[in-house]
Amino acid sequence: MSIENYKKYTYRVMWSEEDQCYIGICMELPSLSVCEDTPEQALKEIEFVASETLKWLAEEKRNIPEPLSLKRYSGKLTVRIPEEIHREIALRSAEEGVSINKYILSKII
């Protein structure tokens, strides 16, 4: 995997009231975070830290996580729920005249 793939990773920047700064994180490398004064600085810094981490992982011949943006998903999700909740979902979907799948999807997006 190319070290340049750091550009394809998933980054998030959010305000931290506790730290009084913008926190930048990389979803594929969850142990990394930065704290900066502006969202732009946080994004730039977390991208730099991620790229340096990927270089180090490559040098050490360690596993480099695949960017989430490149992963393929089947579209199938299996969730185990208690029978009572399953029954309630079936009833509500029937009331709305849709399949259980469409009902659940409407609730999560």
C-alpha atoms as a PDB file:
ATOM      1  CA  MET A   1       0.000   0.000   0.000  1.00  0.00           C
ATOM      2  CA  SER A   2       1.291   3.435  -0.924  1.00  0.00           C
ATOM      3  CA  ILE A   3       2.274   5.873   1.804  1.00  0.00           C
ATOM      4  CA  GLU A   4       0.427   8.520  -0.250  1.00  0.00           C
ATOM      5  CA  ASN A   5      -2.806   6.768   0.732  1.00  0.00           C
ATOM      6  CA  TYR A   6      -2.840   8.973   3.856  1.00  0.00           C
ATOM      7  CA  LYS A   7      -4.695  11.445   1.636  1.00  0.00           C
ATOM      8  CA  LYS A   8      -7.489   8.874   1.257  1.00  0.00           C
ATOM      9  CA  TYR A   9      -7.932   8.353   4.988  1.00  0.00           C
ATOM     10  CA  THR A  10     -10.928   9.645   6.916  1.00  0.00           C
ATOM     11  CA  TYR A  11     -10.245  12.687   9.076  1.00  0.00           C
ATOM     12  CA  ARG A  12     -12.496  14.411  11.586  1.00  0.00           C
ATOM     13  CA  VAL A  13     -12.047  17.777  13.254  1.00  0.00           C
ATOM     14  CA  MET A  14     -14.163  18.807  16.213  1.00  0.00           C
ATOM     15  CA  TRP A  15     -14.115  21.416  18.947  1.00  0.00           C
ATOM     16  CA  SER A  16     -13.166  20.236  22.444  1.00  0.00           C
ATOM     17  CA  GLU A  17     -14.621  22.451  25.154  1.00  0.00           C
ATOM     18  CA  GLU A  18     -12.550  20.630  27.767  1.00  0.00           C
ATOM     19  CA  ASP A  19      -9.259  21.203  25.922  1.00  0.00           C
ATOM     20  CA  GLN A  20     -10.264  24.552  24.403  1.00  0.00           C
ATOM     21  CA  CYS A  21      -8.928  23.547  20.997  1.00  0.00           C
ATOM     22  CA  TYR A  22      -9.869  21.775  17.791  1.00  0.00           C
ATOM     23  CA  ILE A  23      -9.139  18.061  17.944  1.00  0.00           C
ATOM     24  CA  GLY A  24      -8.104  16.312  14.749  1.00  0.00           C
ATOM     25  CA  ILE A  25      -8.370  12.534  14.458  1.00  0.00           C
ATOM     26  CA  CYS A  26      -7.800   9.900  11.786  1.00  0.00           C
ATOM     27  CA  MET A  27     -10.474   7.192  11.814  1.00  0.00           C
ATOM     28  CA  GLU A  28      -8.119   4.510  10.456  1.00  0.00           C
ATOM     29  CA  LEU A  29      -5.437   5.331  13.055  1.00  0.00           C
ATOM     30  CA  PRO A  30      -7.537   5.872  16.204  1.00  0.00           C
ATOM     31  CA  SER A  31      -4.599   6.228  18.590  1.00  0.00           C
ATOM     32  CA  LEU A  32      -3.582   9.481  16.872  1.00  0.00           C
ATOM     33  CA  SER A  33      -4.981  12.909  17.694  1.00  0.00           C
ATOM     34  CA  VAL A  34      -3.869  16.533  17.596  1.00  0.00           C
ATOM     35  CA  CYS A  35      -5.014  19.707  19.351  1.00  0.00           C
ATOM     36  CA  GLU A  36      -4.828  23.012  17.433  1.00  0.00           C
ATOM     37  CA  ASP A  37      -6.215  26.556  17.514  1.00  0.00           C
ATOM     38  CA  THR A  38      -8.144  26.381  14.239  1.00  0.00           C
ATOM     39  CA  PRO A  39      -9.942  23.599  12.347  1.00  0.00           C
ATOM     40  CA  GLU A  40      -7.619  24.140   9.389  1.00  0.00           C
ATOM     41  CA  GLN A  41      -4.520  23.714  11.576  1.00  0.00           C
ATOM     42  CA  ALA A  42      -5.986  20.596  13.173  1.00  0.00           C
ATOM     43  CA  LEU A  43      -6.689  19.016   9.784  1.00  0.00           C
ATOM     44  CA  LYS A  44      -3.258  19.875   8.418  1.00  0.00           C
ATOM     45  CA  GLU A  45      -1.517  18.551  11.532  1.00  0.00           C
ATOM     46  CA  ILE A  46      -3.459  15.266  11.759  1.00  0.00           C
ATOM     47  CA  GLU A  47      -2.736  14.610   8.071  1.00  0.00           C
ATOM     48  CA  PHE A  48       0.969  15.209   8.749  1.00  0.00           C
ATOM     49  CA  VAL A  49       0.957  12.963  11.835  1.00  0.00           C
ATOM     50  CA  ALA A  50      -0.874  10.228   9.900  1.00  0.00           C
ATOM     51  CA  SER A  51       1.590  10.402   6.995  1.00  0.00           C
ATOM     52  CA  GLU A  52       4.562  10.190   9.379  1.00  0.00           C
ATOM     53  CA  THR A  53       2.947   7.274  11.208  1.00  0.00           C
ATOM     54  CA  LEU A  54       2.407   5.439   7.923  1.00  0.00           C
ATOM     55  CA  LYS A  55       6.064   5.979   6.989  1.00  0.00           C
ATOM     56  CA  TRP A  56       7.109   4.531  10.345  1.00  0.00           C
ATOM     57  CA  LEU A  57       4.736   1.554   9.970  1.00  0.00           C
ATOM     58  CA  ALA A  58       6.162   0.860   6.498  1.00  0.00           C
ATOM     59  CA  GLU A  59       9.759   1.093   7.751  1.00  0.00           C
ATOM     60  CA  GLU A  60       8.939  -1.322  10.564  1.00  0.00           C
ATOM     61  CA  LYS A  61       7.111  -3.606   8.096  1.00  0.00           C
ATOM     62  CA  ARG A  62       3.987  -3.332  10.205  1.00  0.00           C
ATOM     63  CA  ASN A  63       0.381  -3.603   9.102  1.00  0.00           C
ATOM     64  CA  ILE A  64      -0.873  -0.439   7.401  1.00  0.00           C
ATOM     65  CA  PRO A  65      -4.638  -0.042   7.739  1.00  0.00           C
ATOM     66  CA  GLU A  66      -6.643   0.245   4.544  1.00  0.00           C
ATOM     67  CA  PRO A  67      -8.380   3.590   4.070  1.00  0.00           C
ATOM     68  CA  LEU A  68     -12.095   3.332   4.841  1.00  0.00           C
ATOM     69  CA  SER A  69     -12.759   5.066   1.515  1.00  0.00           C
ATOM     70  CA  LEU A  70     -11.230   2.111  -0.352  1.00  0.00           C
ATOM     71  CA  LYS A  71     -13.016  -0.657   1.554  1.00  0.00           C
ATOM     72  CA  ARG A  72     -15.883  -2.491  -0.109  1.00  0.00           C
ATOM     73  CA  TYR A  73     -19.064  -3.169   1.840  1.00  0.00           C
ATOM     74  CA  SER A  74     -21.607  -5.856   0.992  1.00  0.00           C
ATOM     75  CA  GLY A  75     -24.638  -3.845   2.038  1.00  0.00           C
ATOM     76  CA  LYS A  76     -25.684  -6.624   4.386  1.00  0.00           C
ATOM     77  CA  LEU A  77     -25.729  -6.099   8.127  1.00  0.00           C
ATOM     78  CA  THR A  78     -26.745  -8.697  10.685  1.00  0.00           C
ATOM     79  CA  VAL A  79     -27.875  -7.409  14.070  1.00  0.00           C
ATOM     80  CA  ARG A  80     -29.071  -9.554  16.941  1.00  0.00           C
ATOM     81  CA  ILE A  81     -31.874  -8.003  18.984  1.00  0.00           C
ATOM     82  CA  PRO A  82     -34.220  -9.266  21.689  1.00  0.00           C
ATOM     83  CA  GLU A  83     -37.429 -10.951  20.441  1.00  0.00           C
ATOM     84  CA  GLU A  84     -39.599  -8.214  21.972  1.00  0.00           C
ATOM     85  CA  ILE A  85     -37.825  -5.486  20.012  1.00  0.00           C
ATOM     86  CA  HIS A  86     -38.019  -7.558  16.817  1.00  0.00           C
ATOM     87  CA  ARG A  87     -41.762  -7.937  17.347  1.00  0.00           C
ATOM     88  CA  GLU A  88     -42.174  -4.193  17.979  1.00  0.00           C
ATOM     89  CA  ILE A  89     -40.229  -3.343  14.822  1.00  0.00           C
ATOM     90  CA  ALA A  90     -42.330  -5.798  12.795  1.00  0.00           C
ATOM     91  CA  LEU A  91     -45.530  -4.200  14.104  1.00  0.00           C
ATOM     92  CA  ARG A  92     -44.362  -0.654  13.411  1.00  0.00           C
ATOM     93  CA  SER A  93     -43.169  -1.512   9.908  1.00  0.00           C
ATOM     94  CA  ALA A  94     -46.530  -3.192   9.187  1.00  0.00           C
ATOM     95  CA  GLU A  95     -48.348  -0.074  10.449  1.00  0.00           C
ATOM     96  CA  GLU A  96     -46.318   2.038   8.037  1.00  0.00           C
ATOM     97  CA  GLY A  97     -46.785  -0.446   5.201  1.00  0.00           C
ATOM     98  CA  VAL A  98     -43.080  -1.005   4.603  1.00  0.00           C
ATOM     99  CA  SER A  99     -40.682  -3.899   5.037  1.00  0.00           C
ATOM    100  CA  ILE A 100     -38.756  -4.287   8.293  1.00  0.00           C
ATOM    101  CA  ASN A 101     -35.593  -3.486   6.349  1.00  0.00           C
ATOM    102  CA  LYS A 102     -37.014  -0.203   4.980  1.00  0.00           C
ATOM    103  CA  TYR A 103     -38.397   0.708   8.391  1.00  0.00           C
ATOM    104  CA  ILE A 104     -35.046   0.207  10.141  1.00  0.00           C
ATOM    105  CA  LEU A 105     -33.179   2.017   7.369  1.00  0.00           C
ATOM    106  CA  SER A 106     -35.520   5.010   7.729  1.00  0.00           C
ATOM    107  CA  LYS A 107     -34.620   5.186  11.426  1.00  0.00           C
ATOM    108  CA  ILE A 108     -30.849   5.124  11.026  1.00  0.00           C
ATOM    109  CA  ILE A 109     -30.363   7.620   8.207  1.00  0.00           C
END
